[in-house]
C-alpha atoms as a PDB file:
ATOM      1  CA  MET A   1       4.227 -27.312  -5.853  1.00  0.00           C
ATOM      2  CA  GLY A   2       1.543 -26.491  -3.331  1.00  0.00           C
ATOM      3  CA  THR A   3       0.747 -25.015   0.069  1.00  0.00           C
ATOM      4  CA  PRO A   4      -2.518 -26.047   1.852  1.00  0.00           C
ATOM      5  CA  ASP A   5      -3.927 -29.375   3.023  1.00  0.00           C
ATOM      6  CA  PHE A   6      -5.584 -29.816  -0.367  1.00  0.00           C
ATOM      7  CA  ALA A   7      -2.113 -30.212  -1.912  1.00  0.00           C
ATOM      8  CA  VAL A   8      -0.798 -32.585   0.780  1.00  0.00           C
ATOM      9  CA  GLU A   9      -3.076 -35.436  -0.305  1.00  0.00           C
ATOM     10  CA  SER A  10      -1.659 -35.389  -3.842  1.00  0.00           C
ATOM     11  CA  LEU A  11       1.905 -35.293  -2.505  1.00  0.00           C
ATOM     12  CA  ARG A  12       1.138 -38.157  -0.129  1.00  0.00           C
ATOM     13  CA  CYS A  13      -0.275 -40.287  -2.962  1.00  0.00           C
ATOM     14  CA  LEU A  14       2.875 -39.717  -5.034  1.00  0.00           C
ATOM     15  CA  VAL A  15       5.240 -40.508  -2.165  1.00  0.00           C
ATOM     16  CA  GLU A  16       3.342 -43.597  -1.027  1.00  0.00           C
ATOM     17  CA  GLY A  17       2.963 -44.678  -4.651  1.00  0.00           C
ATOM     18  CA  GLY A  18       6.741 -44.923  -4.955  1.00  0.00           C
ATOM     19  CA  TYR A  19       7.202 -42.086  -7.438  1.00  0.00           C
ATOM     20  CA  ASN A  20      10.544 -40.285  -7.426  1.00  0.00           C
ATOM     21  CA  VAL A  21       9.641 -36.929  -5.879  1.00  0.00           C
ATOM     22  CA  VAL A  22      12.856 -34.964  -6.424  1.00  0.00           C
ATOM     23  CA  GLY A  23      11.667 -31.911  -4.511  1.00  0.00           C
ATOM     24  CA  VAL A  24       8.804 -29.875  -3.101  1.00  0.00           C
ATOM     25  CA  ILE A  25       8.057 -26.170  -3.524  1.00  0.00           C
ATOM     26  CA  THR A  26       5.781 -24.269  -1.155  1.00  0.00           C
ATOM     27  CA  MET A  27       5.134 -20.740   0.096  1.00  0.00           C
ATOM     28  CA  PRO A  28       7.517 -19.064   2.555  1.00  0.00           C
ATOM     29  CA  ASP A  29       6.648 -19.429   6.240  1.00  0.00           C
ATOM     30  CA  LYS A  30       4.114 -16.880   7.488  1.00  0.00           C
ATOM     31  CA  PRO A  31       3.688 -15.344  10.958  1.00  0.00           C
ATOM     32  CA  ALA A  32       0.537 -16.533  12.697  1.00  0.00           C
ATOM     33  CA  GLY A  33      -1.183 -16.227  16.064  1.00  0.00           C
ATOM     34  CA  ARG A  34      -0.691 -13.703  18.808  1.00  0.00           C
ATOM     35  CA  GLY A  35       3.047 -14.339  19.032  1.00  0.00           C
ATOM     36  CA  HIS A  36       3.444 -13.987  15.262  1.00  0.00           C
ATOM     37  CA  LYS A  37       5.548 -17.130  15.219  1.00  0.00           C
ATOM     38  CA  LEU A  38       6.431 -18.410  11.754  1.00  0.00           C
ATOM     39  CA  GLN A  39       4.074 -21.188  10.758  1.00  0.00           C
ATOM     40  CA  TYR A  40       4.898 -23.958   8.298  1.00  0.00           C
ATOM     41  CA  SER A  41       2.483 -24.692   5.480  1.00  0.00           C
ATOM     42  CA  PRO A  42       0.900 -28.174   5.556  1.00  0.00           C
ATOM     43  CA  VAL A  43       2.944 -29.093   2.467  1.00  0.00           C
ATOM     44  CA  LYS A  44       6.203 -28.042   4.160  1.00  0.00           C
ATOM     45  CA  GLN A  45       5.295 -30.030   7.254  1.00  0.00           C
ATOM     46  CA  TYR A  46       4.743 -33.152   5.156  1.00  0.00           C
ATOM     47  CA  ALA A  47       7.977 -32.593   3.188  1.00  0.00           C
ATOM     48  CA  LEU A  48      10.026 -32.256   6.378  1.00  0.00           C
ATOM     49  CA  GLU A  49       8.463 -35.364   7.891  1.00  0.00           C
ATOM     50  CA  HIS A  50       9.450 -37.366   4.800  1.00  0.00           C
ATOM     51  CA  ASP A  51      12.897 -35.809   4.231  1.00  0.00           C
ATOM     52  CA  LEU A  52      11.960 -34.345   0.858  1.00  0.00           C
ATOM     53  CA  PRO A  53      14.125 -31.548  -0.624  1.00  0.00           C
ATOM     54  CA  LEU A  54      12.314 -28.245  -0.180  1.00  0.00           C
ATOM     55  CA  LEU A  55      12.308 -24.778  -1.758  1.00  0.00           C
ATOM     56  CA  GLN A  56      10.332 -21.767  -0.488  1.00  0.00           C
ATOM     57  CA  PRO A  57      10.886 -18.927  -2.950  1.00  0.00           C
ATOM     58  CA  GLU A  58       9.651 -15.412  -2.274  1.00  0.00           C
ATOM     59  CA  LYS A  59       9.699 -14.663  -6.000  1.00  0.00           C
ATOM     60  CA  LEU A  60       9.267 -17.344  -8.634  1.00  0.00           C
ATOM     61  CA  LYS A  61      11.399 -15.479 -11.175  1.00  0.00           C
ATOM     62  CA  ASP A  62      14.353 -15.192  -8.776  1.00  0.00           C
ATOM     63  CA  GLU A  63      17.469 -16.512 -10.520  1.00  0.00           C
ATOM     64  CA  ALA A  64      18.685 -18.431  -7.480  1.00  0.00           C
ATOM     65  CA  PHE A  65      15.342 -20.259  -7.243  1.00  0.00           C
ATOM     66  CA  VAL A  66      15.208 -21.009 -10.971  1.00  0.00           C
ATOM     67  CA  GLU A  67      18.735 -22.440 -10.872  1.00  0.00           C
ATOM     68  CA  ALA A  68      17.944 -24.537  -7.791  1.00  0.00           C
ATOM     69  CA  LEU A  69      14.808 -25.843  -9.500  1.00  0.00           C
ATOM     70  CA  ARG A  70      16.731 -26.633 -12.678  1.00  0.00           C
ATOM     71  CA  ALA A  71      19.304 -28.577 -10.643  1.00  0.00           C
ATOM     72  CA  TRP A  72      16.610 -31.025  -9.580  1.00  0.00           C
ATOM     73  CA  LYS A  73      16.279 -32.093 -13.242  1.00  0.00           C
ATOM     74  CA  ALA A  74      12.606 -32.959 -12.832  1.00  0.00           C
ATOM     75  CA  ASP A  75      10.944 -34.687 -15.792  1.00  0.00           C
ATOM     76  CA  LEU A  76       7.493 -33.457 -14.755  1.00  0.00           C
ATOM     77  CA  GLN A  77       6.155 -30.743 -12.470  1.00  0.00           C
ATOM     78  CA  ILE A  78       2.826 -30.909 -10.633  1.00  0.00           C
ATOM     79  CA  VAL A  79       1.002 -27.884  -9.231  1.00  0.00           C
ATOM     80  CA  VAL A  80      -1.764 -28.158  -6.632  1.00  0.00           C
ATOM     81  CA  ALA A  81      -3.165 -25.022  -4.946  1.00  0.00           C
ATOM     82  CA  PHE A  82      -0.117 -22.844  -5.522  1.00  0.00           C
ATOM     83  CA  ARG A  83       0.661 -19.560  -7.262  1.00  0.00           C
ATOM     84  CA  MET A  84       0.669 -18.548 -10.910  1.00  0.00           C
ATOM     85  CA  LEU A  85       3.964 -19.734 -12.401  1.00  0.00           C
ATOM     86  CA  PRO A  86       6.168 -17.800 -14.827  1.00  0.00           C
ATOM     87  CA  GLU A  87       6.969 -19.516 -18.118  1.00  0.00           C
ATOM     88  CA  VAL A  88      10.603 -20.053 -17.120  1.00  0.00           C
ATOM     89  CA  VAL A  89       9.271 -22.386 -14.411  1.00  0.00           C
ATOM     90  CA  TRP A  90       6.343 -24.196 -16.034  1.00  0.00           C
ATOM     91  CA  ASN A  91       8.163 -24.720 -19.328  1.00  0.00           C
ATOM     92  CA  MET A  92      11.241 -26.256 -17.689  1.00  0.00           C
ATOM     93  CA  PRO A  93      10.563 -30.052 -17.473  1.00  0.00           C
ATOM     94  CA  ARG A  94      10.734 -32.210 -20.595  1.00  0.00           C
ATOM     95  CA  LEU A  95       7.255 -33.632 -19.924  1.00  0.00           C
ATOM     96  CA  GLY A  96       5.752 -30.271 -18.981  1.00  0.00           C
ATOM     97  CA  THR A  97       3.847 -29.020 -15.932  1.00  0.00           C
ATOM     98  CA  PHE A  98       0.297 -29.916 -15.056  1.00  0.00           C
ATOM     99  CA  ASN A  99      -2.103 -28.447 -12.523  1.00  0.00           C
ATOM    100  CA  LEU A 100      -4.856 -30.004 -10.423  1.00  0.00           C
ATOM    101  CA  HIS A 101      -7.802 -27.568 -10.338  1.00  0.00           C
ATOM    102  CA  ALA A 102     -10.881 -27.982  -8.137  1.00  0.00           C
ATOM    103  CA  SER A 103     -13.538 -27.415 -10.788  1.00  0.00           C
ATOM    104  CA  LEU A 104     -14.752 -28.812 -14.083  1.00  0.00           C
ATOM    105  CA  LEU A 105     -12.780 -26.505 -16.332  1.00  0.00           C
ATOM    106  CA  PRO A 106     -13.431 -24.320 -18.230  1.00  0.00           C
ATOM    107  CA  GLN A 107     -15.944 -23.462 -15.489  1.00  0.00           C
ATOM    108  CA  TYR A 108     -14.644 -21.617 -12.425  1.00  0.00           C
ATOM    109  CA  ARG A 109     -11.223 -20.482 -13.476  1.00  0.00           C
ATOM    110  CA  GLY A 110      -9.644 -18.635 -10.575  1.00  0.00           C
ATOM    111  CA  ALA A 111      -8.607 -18.831  -6.937  1.00  0.00           C
ATOM    112  CA  ALA A 112     -11.805 -20.058  -5.227  1.00  0.00           C
ATOM    113  CA  PRO A 113     -13.563 -22.611  -7.453  1.00  0.00           C
ATOM    114  CA  ILE A 114     -15.093 -24.718  -4.666  1.00  0.00           C
ATOM    115  CA  ASN A 115     -16.573 -21.708  -2.879  1.00  0.00           C
ATOM    116  CA  TRP A 116     -18.165 -20.265  -5.997  1.00  0.00           C
ATOM    117  CA  ALA A 117     -19.656 -23.570  -7.156  1.00  0.00           C
ATOM    118  CA  VAL A 118     -21.496 -23.911  -3.832  1.00  0.00           C
ATOM    119  CA  ILE A 119     -22.376 -20.195  -3.606  1.00  0.00           C
ATOM    120  CA  ASN A 120     -23.984 -20.428  -7.051  1.00  0.00           C
ATOM    121  CA  GLY A 121     -26.070 -23.426  -6.002  1.00  0.00           C
ATOM    122  CA  ASP A 122     -24.471 -25.858  -8.457  1.00  0.00           C
ATOM    123  CA  THR A 123     -25.464 -29.502  -8.086  1.00  0.00           C
ATOM    124  CA  GLU A 124     -22.235 -30.830  -9.606  1.00  0.00           C
ATOM    125  CA  THR A 125     -18.553 -30.007  -9.558  1.00  0.00           C
ATOM    126  CA  GLY A 126     -15.307 -31.899  -9.948  1.00  0.00           C
ATOM    127  CA  ILE A 127     -11.575 -31.781 -10.476  1.00  0.00           C
ATOM    128  CA  THR A 128      -9.477 -31.306 -13.569  1.00  0.00           C
ATOM    129  CA  THR A 129      -5.860 -31.889 -14.484  1.00  0.00           C
ATOM    130  CA  PHE A 130      -4.517 -29.723 -17.292  1.00  0.00           C
ATOM    131  CA  PHE A 131      -1.206 -28.606 -18.789  1.00  0.00           C
ATOM    132  CA  LEU A 132      -0.100 -25.101 -17.891  1.00  0.00           C
ATOM    133  CA  LYS A 133       0.254 -22.334 -20.436  1.00  0.00           C
ATOM    134  CA  HIS A 134       0.405 -18.520 -20.301  1.00  0.00           C
ATOM    135  CA  GLU A 135      -3.213 -17.665 -19.424  1.00  0.00           C
ATOM    136  CA  ILE A 136      -4.270 -18.902 -15.997  1.00  0.00           C
ATOM    137  CA  ASP A 137      -6.417 -22.077 -15.882  1.00  0.00           C
ATOM    138  CA  THR A 138      -6.805 -22.213 -19.685  1.00  0.00           C
ATOM    139  CA  GLY A 139      -4.427 -25.025 -20.678  1.00  0.00           C
ATOM    140  CA  GLU A 140      -5.353 -28.259 -22.425  1.00  0.00           C
ATOM    141  CA  VAL A 141      -7.342 -30.642 -20.224  1.00  0.00           C
ATOM    142  CA  ILE A 142      -5.921 -34.065 -19.431  1.00  0.00           C
ATOM    143  CA  GLN A 143      -8.556 -35.684 -17.205  1.00  0.00           C
ATOM    144  CA  GLN A 144     -11.658 -34.805 -15.174  1.00  0.00           C
ATOM    145  CA  VAL A 145     -13.683 -36.417 -12.387  1.00  0.00           C
ATOM    146  CA  ARG A 146     -17.213 -35.286 -11.527  1.00  0.00           C
ATOM    147  CA  ILE A 147     -19.020 -35.395  -8.170  1.00  0.00           C
ATOM    148  CA  PRO A 148     -22.494 -34.252  -7.070  1.00  0.00           C
ATOM    149  CA  ILE A 149     -22.982 -31.374  -4.630  1.00  0.00           C
ATOM    150  CA  ALA A 150     -25.775 -32.139  -2.162  1.00  0.00           C
ATOM    151  CA  ASP A 151     -28.034 -29.346  -0.908  1.00  0.00           C
ATOM    152  CA  THR A 152     -26.642 -29.992   2.576  1.00  0.00           C
ATOM    153  CA  ASP A 153     -22.970 -29.833   1.534  1.00  0.00           C
ATOM    154  CA  ASP A 154     -20.828 -26.877   2.491  1.00  0.00           C
ATOM    155  CA  VAL A 155     -17.400 -25.898   1.216  1.00  0.00           C
ATOM    156  CA  GLY A 156     -15.725 -28.038   3.867  1.00  0.00           C
ATOM    157  CA  THR A 157     -17.424 -31.264   2.800  1.00  0.00           C
ATOM    158  CA  VAL A 158     -16.948 -30.620  -0.931  1.00  0.00           C
ATOM    159  CA  HIS A 159     -13.290 -29.637  -0.347  1.00  0.00           C
ATOM    160  CA  ASP A 160     -12.564 -32.905   1.448  1.00  0.00           C
ATOM    161  CA  LYS A 161     -14.229 -35.036  -1.235  1.00  0.00           C
ATOM    162  CA  LEU A 162     -12.290 -33.273  -4.004  1.00  0.00           C
ATOM    163  CA  MET A 163      -9.041 -33.455  -2.032  1.00  0.00           C
ATOM    164  CA  MET A 164      -9.221 -37.239  -1.789  1.00  0.00           C
ATOM    165  CA  LEU A 165     -10.228 -37.645  -5.433  1.00  0.00           C
ATOM    166  CA  GLY A 166      -7.513 -35.174  -6.416  1.00  0.00           C
ATOM    167  CA  GLY A 167      -4.752 -37.343  -5.023  1.00  0.00           C
ATOM    168  CA  GLN A 168      -5.985 -40.294  -7.069  1.00  0.00           C
ATOM    169  CA  LEU A 169      -6.372 -38.193 -10.210  1.00  0.00           C
ATOM    170  CA  VAL A 170      -2.842 -36.777  -9.910  1.00  0.00           C
ATOM    171  CA  VAL A 171      -1.433 -40.322  -9.838  1.00  0.00           C
ATOM    172  CA  GLU A 172      -3.593 -41.376 -12.802  1.00  0.00           C
ATOM    173  CA  THR A 173      -2.471 -38.306 -14.739  1.00  0.00           C
ATOM    174  CA  VAL A 174       1.207 -38.962 -13.996  1.00  0.00           C
ATOM    175  CA  ASN A 175       0.790 -42.537 -15.223  1.00  0.00           C
ATOM    176  CA  ALA A 176      -0.927 -41.365 -18.401  1.00  0.00           C
ATOM    177  CA  ILE A 177       1.837 -38.833 -19.121  1.00  0.00           C
ATOM    178  CA  LEU A 178       4.619 -41.336 -18.437  1.00  0.00           C
ATOM    179  CA  GLY A 179       2.810 -43.922 -20.558  1.00  0.00           C
ATOM    180  CA  GLY A 180       2.277 -41.510 -23.444  1.00  0.00           C
ATOM    181  CA  THR A 181      -1.489 -42.074 -23.467  1.00  0.00           C
ATOM    182  CA  VAL A 182      -2.611 -38.494 -22.777  1.00  0.00           C
ATOM    183  CA  LYS A 183      -5.170 -36.982 -25.127  1.00  0.00           C
ATOM    184  CA  ARG A 184      -4.965 -33.198 -24.781  1.00  0.00           C
ATOM    185  CA  ILE A 185      -8.362 -31.497 -24.984  1.00  0.00           C
ATOM    186  CA  PRO A 186      -8.405 -27.743 -25.716  1.00  0.00           C
ATOM    187  CA  GLN A 187     -10.846 -26.078 -23.324  1.00  0.00           C
ATOM    188  CA  GLU A 188     -12.464 -24.086 -26.121  1.00  0.00           C
ATOM    189  CA  GLU A 189     -13.592 -27.397 -27.641  1.00  0.00           C
ATOM    190  CA  MET A 190     -15.272 -28.637 -24.447  1.00  0.00           C
ATOM    191  CA  ALA A 191     -19.057 -28.530 -24.133  1.00  0.00           C
ATOM    192  CA  VAL A 192     -20.298 -26.085 -21.501  1.00  0.00           C
ATOM    193  CA  VAL A 193     -23.874 -25.792 -20.236  1.00  0.00           C
ATOM    194  CA  GLY A 194     -24.753 -22.134 -19.697  1.00  0.00           C
ATOM    195  CA  GLU A 195     -22.313 -19.264 -19.414  1.00  0.00           C
ATOM    196  CA  LEU A 196     -18.794 -19.536 -18.052  1.00  0.00           C
ATOM    197  CA  ARG A 197     -18.554 -18.520 -14.401  1.00  0.00           C
ATOM    198  CA  PRO A 198     -15.352 -17.167 -12.851  1.00  0.00           C
ATOM    199  CA  ALA A 199     -13.958 -18.048  -9.409  1.00  0.00           C
ATOM    200  CA  PRO A 200     -12.203 -14.883  -8.208  1.00  0.00           C
ATOM    201  CA  LYS A 201     -10.425 -14.593  -4.887  1.00  0.00           C
ATOM    202  CA  ILE A 202     -12.781 -13.997  -1.970  1.00  0.00           C
ATOM    203  CA  PHE A 203     -12.272 -11.044   0.363  1.00  0.00           C
ATOM    204  CA  LYS A 204     -13.996 -10.082   3.626  1.00  0.00           C
ATOM    205  CA  ASP A 205     -16.445  -7.733   1.894  1.00  0.00           C
ATOM    206  CA  THR A 206     -17.385 -10.570  -0.472  1.00  0.00           C
ATOM    207  CA  CYS A 207     -18.640 -12.550   2.529  1.00  0.00           C
ATOM    208  CA  ARG A 208     -21.245 -10.057   3.771  1.00  0.00           C
ATOM    209  CA  ILE A 209     -24.785 -11.426   3.579  1.00  0.00           C
ATOM    210  CA  ASP A 210     -27.314  -9.448   1.522  1.00  0.00           C
ATOM    211  CA  TRP A 211     -30.692 -10.000   3.182  1.00  0.00           C
ATOM    212  CA  ASN A 212     -32.513  -8.573   0.145  1.00  0.00           C
ATOM    213  CA  GLN A 213     -31.711 -11.803  -1.701  1.00  0.00           C
ATOM    214  CA  PRO A 214     -34.086 -14.810  -1.890  1.00  0.00           C
ATOM    215  CA  VAL A 215     -33.852 -17.479   0.824  1.00  0.00           C
ATOM    216  CA  LYS A 216     -32.241 -20.088  -1.445  1.00  0.00           C
ATOM    217  CA  ARG A 217     -29.581 -17.635  -2.586  1.00  0.00           C
ATOM    218  CA  ILE A 218     -28.630 -16.694   0.981  1.00  0.00           C
ATOM    219  CA  TYR A 219     -28.652 -20.339   2.092  1.00  0.00           C
ATOM    220  CA  ASP A 220     -26.233 -21.287  -0.719  1.00  0.00           C
ATOM    221  CA  PHE A 221     -24.112 -18.214  -0.005  1.00  0.00           C
ATOM    222  CA  VAL A 222     -23.593 -19.213   3.633  1.00  0.00           C
ATOM    223  CA  ARG A 223     -22.706 -22.839   2.915  1.00  0.00           C
ATOM    224  CA  GLY A 224     -20.455 -21.686   0.074  1.00  0.00           C
ATOM    225  CA  LEU A 225     -18.349 -19.827   2.652  1.00  0.00           C
ATOM    226  CA  SER A 226     -18.518 -22.324   5.523  1.00  0.00           C
ATOM    227  CA  PRO A 227     -16.391 -23.109   7.411  1.00  0.00           C
ATOM    228  CA  TYR A 228     -13.970 -20.734   5.709  1.00  0.00           C
ATOM    229  CA  PRO A 229     -13.743 -17.800   5.117  1.00  0.00           C
ATOM    230  CA  THR A 230     -17.281 -17.600   6.621  1.00  0.00           C
ATOM    231  CA  ALA A 231     -20.297 -15.450   5.784  1.00  0.00           C
ATOM    232  CA  TRP A 232     -21.072 -12.598   8.161  1.00  0.00           C
ATOM    233  CA  THR A 233     -23.667  -9.995   8.957  1.00  0.00           C
ATOM    234  CA  GLU A 234     -23.843  -6.943  11.193  1.00  0.00           C
ATOM    235  CA  LEU A 235     -26.571  -6.834  13.831  1.00  0.00           C
ATOM    236  CA  GLU A 236     -27.831  -3.350  14.652  1.00  0.00           C
ATOM    237  CA  PHE A 237     -29.469  -2.988  18.072  1.00  0.00           C
ATOM    238  CA  PRO A 238     -32.146  -0.419  19.025  1.00  0.00           C
ATOM    239  CA  ASN A 239     -29.578   1.462  21.129  1.00  0.00           C
ATOM    240  CA  GLY A 240     -27.366   1.934  18.058  1.00  0.00           C
ATOM    241  CA  GLU A 241     -24.849  -0.736  19.045  1.00  0.00           C
ATOM    242  CA  ARG A 242     -23.551  -2.885  16.186  1.00  0.00           C
ATOM    243  CA  LEU A 243     -22.209  -6.416  16.375  1.00  0.00           C
ATOM    244  CA  VAL A 244     -20.569  -8.471  13.607  1.00  0.00           C
ATOM    245  CA  VAL A 245     -21.684 -12.103  13.628  1.00  0.00           C
ATOM    246  CA  LYS A 246     -20.183 -14.962  11.614  1.00  0.00           C
ATOM    247  CA  VAL A 247     -22.777 -17.353  10.194  1.00  0.00           C
ATOM    248  CA  PHE A 248     -21.752 -20.973   9.586  1.00  0.00           C
ATOM    249  CA  GLU A 249     -24.981 -22.893   9.141  1.00  0.00           C
ATOM    250  CA  THR A 250     -28.549 -21.950   8.242  1.00  0.00           C
ATOM    251  CA  GLU A 251     -31.860 -23.454   7.195  1.00  0.00           C
ATOM    252  CA  LYS A 252     -34.411 -22.353   4.610  1.00  0.00           C
ATOM    253  CA  LEU A 253     -37.781 -21.248   5.990  1.00  0.00           C
ATOM    254  CA  SER A 254     -40.238 -20.565   3.171  1.00  0.00           C
ATOM    255  CA  GLN A 255     -42.763 -18.577   5.184  1.00  0.00           C
ATOM    256  CA  PRO A 256     -44.412 -15.447   3.745  1.00  0.00           C
ATOM    257  CA  HIS A 257     -44.065 -12.252   5.752  1.00  0.00           C
ATOM    258  CA  ALA A 258     -44.449  -8.469   5.495  1.00  0.00           C
ATOM    259  CA  LEU A 259     -41.192  -7.629   7.260  1.00  0.00           C
ATOM    260  CA  GLN A 260     -38.296  -5.674   5.865  1.00  0.00           C
ATOM    261  CA  PRO A 261     -35.370  -7.908   4.809  1.00  0.00           C
ATOM    262  CA  GLY A 262     -32.947  -8.150   7.714  1.00  0.00           C
ATOM    263  CA  ALA A 263     -35.578  -8.030  10.468  1.00  0.00           C
ATOM    264  CA  VAL A 264     -34.603 -10.414  13.285  1.00  0.00           C
ATOM    265  CA  GLN A 265     -37.069 -12.692  15.061  1.00  0.00           C
ATOM    266  CA  THR A 266     -36.319 -14.880  18.094  1.00  0.00           C
ATOM    267  CA  ASP A 267     -38.000 -16.512  21.090  1.00  0.00           C
ATOM    268  CA  GLY A 268     -34.825 -15.848  23.057  1.00  0.00           C
ATOM    269  CA  LYS A 269     -34.335 -19.572  23.695  1.00  0.00           C
ATOM    270  CA  THR A 270     -34.395 -21.914  20.710  1.00  0.00           C
ATOM    271  CA  TYR A 271     -34.551 -20.056  17.418  1.00  0.00           C
ATOM    272  CA  LEU A 272     -33.139 -17.012  15.662  1.00  0.00           C
ATOM    273  CA  ARG A 273     -34.322 -16.182  12.180  1.00  0.00           C
ATOM    274  CA  ILE A 274     -33.825 -13.282   9.798  1.00  0.00           C
ATOM    275  CA  ALA A 275     -36.231 -12.058   7.137  1.00  0.00           C
ATOM    276  CA  ALA A 276     -35.130 -12.411   3.518  1.00  0.00           C
ATOM    277  CA  ALA A 277     -36.871 -11.336   0.324  1.00  0.00           C
ATOM    278  CA  ASP A 278     -39.201 -14.347   0.149  1.00  0.00           C
ATOM    279  CA  GLY A 279     -39.076 -16.010   3.565  1.00  0.00           C
ATOM    280  CA  PHE A 280     -36.753 -16.473   6.515  1.00  0.00           C
ATOM    281  CA  ILE A 281     -33.245 -17.766   7.058  1.00  0.00           C
ATOM    282  CA  GLY A 282     -33.002 -19.746  10.271  1.00  0.00           C
ATOM    283  CA  LEU A 283     -29.590 -19.391  11.903  1.00  0.00           C
ATOM    284  CA  ARG A 284     -28.304 -22.720  13.223  1.00  0.00           C
ATOM    285  CA  SER A 285     -24.614 -22.104  13.947  1.00  0.00           C
ATOM    286  CA  LEU A 286     -22.913 -18.760  14.462  1.00  0.00           C
ATOM    287  CA  GLN A 287     -20.073 -16.976  16.258  1.00  0.00           C
ATOM    288  CA  LEU A 288     -19.875 -13.693  18.165  1.00  0.00           C
ATOM    289  CA  PRO A 289     -16.643 -11.657  18.173  1.00  0.00           C
ATOM    290  CA  GLY A 290     -14.018 -13.214  20.446  1.00  0.00           C
ATOM    291  CA  LYS A 291     -16.221 -16.246  21.161  1.00  0.00           C
ATOM    292  CA  LYS A 292     -16.314 -19.800  19.857  1.00  0.00           C
ATOM    293  CA  ARG A 293     -18.756 -21.141  17.290  1.00  0.00           C
ATOM    294  CA  LEU A 294     -22.060 -22.154  18.894  1.00  0.00           C
ATOM    295  CA  LYS A 295     -25.410 -23.649  17.988  1.00  0.00           C
ATOM    296  CA  VAL A 296     -28.094 -20.966  18.167  1.00  0.00           C
ATOM    297  CA  ASP A 297     -29.793 -22.390  21.278  1.00  0.00           C
ATOM    298  CA  GLU A 298     -26.432 -22.466  23.085  1.00  0.00           C
ATOM    299  CA  LEU A 299     -25.744 -18.860  22.124  1.00  0.00           C
ATOM    300  CA  LEU A 300     -29.163 -17.645  23.258  1.00  0.00           C
ATOM    301  CA  ARG A 301     -28.655 -19.143  26.721  1.00  0.00           C
ATOM    302  CA  GLY A 302     -25.917 -16.606  27.410  1.00  0.00           C
ATOM    303  CA  PHE A 303     -26.803 -13.741  25.077  1.00  0.00           C
ATOM    304  CA  ARG A 304     -30.009 -11.716  25.253  1.00  0.00           C
ATOM    305  CA  MET A 305     -31.367 -10.661  21.874  1.00  0.00           C
ATOM    306  CA  PRO A 306     -33.705  -7.649  22.365  1.00  0.00           C
ATOM    307  CA  ASP A 307     -36.650  -6.783  20.137  1.00  0.00           C
ATOM    308  CA  GLY A 308     -36.041  -4.543  17.146  1.00  0.00           C
ATOM    309  CA  VAL A 309     -32.655  -5.939  16.082  1.00  0.00           C
ATOM    310  CA  VAL A 310     -31.928  -5.648  12.350  1.00  0.00           C
ATOM    311  CA  ALA A 311     -29.305  -7.491  10.307  1.00  0.00           C
ATOM    312  CA  ARG A 312     -27.489  -5.226   7.879  1.00  0.00           C
END
């Protein structure tokens, strides 16, 4: 059960590993683009290409779906980047249902664990497989793999590393369950450094940059949302015009100043930097409305930035 690219790698590893995948469950098709044509999820695309039985339920408690799922007679169910399952679904197989989660549980329970680990400036994250139970992301842990987060990593790079490791871990977990060698570890018994941090769903308002924050905090915030869903700020021009700008890549500039946070500085050719609480954030890659993503020097060649602009 899964929907995005992150889930495809685990499915691919199972199929290519020769496991008997009796069926695939993914989200219903969604309209996308200007023509609002229905778009297949990456998991559906893979399932169709490999002639795998497929279900796309609107509601997971729907009787027709539950009966169709039961007819597959699966011994084990695997969830990767999907929705919260009702008990009638996760309690169905004789060997249970396990989930692949992109954090070192019990840290970062929730919908956006990779984003929040980078936003919070963590230097380590990982993936976890665990058995499902009633409360979301709280079941007994099966296995974990840890990886470092470099200061130059963004969500895209961490996502891809965890995706590849996730496929391997899913296969290892299946083998451990089939072999009866699993040691279930209750999350409340696991050692945690510091307080537990949640990973709630991220909305557009979540992505707005607060220039009153320290440079390091803003730098981590931007890379924790890049390339998706992307941090943004609103530029206010002296004439009162406002322009929303997406920010994909920045650099830390630890230079003291007496400017108000949000003040914009530029030479109009090569650099664009914004004052933060304790220095500047240098913008390296950004996007204007209706335009493509550009390096800052490319953008400044075709866009004049007047004096007195403030980022809000």
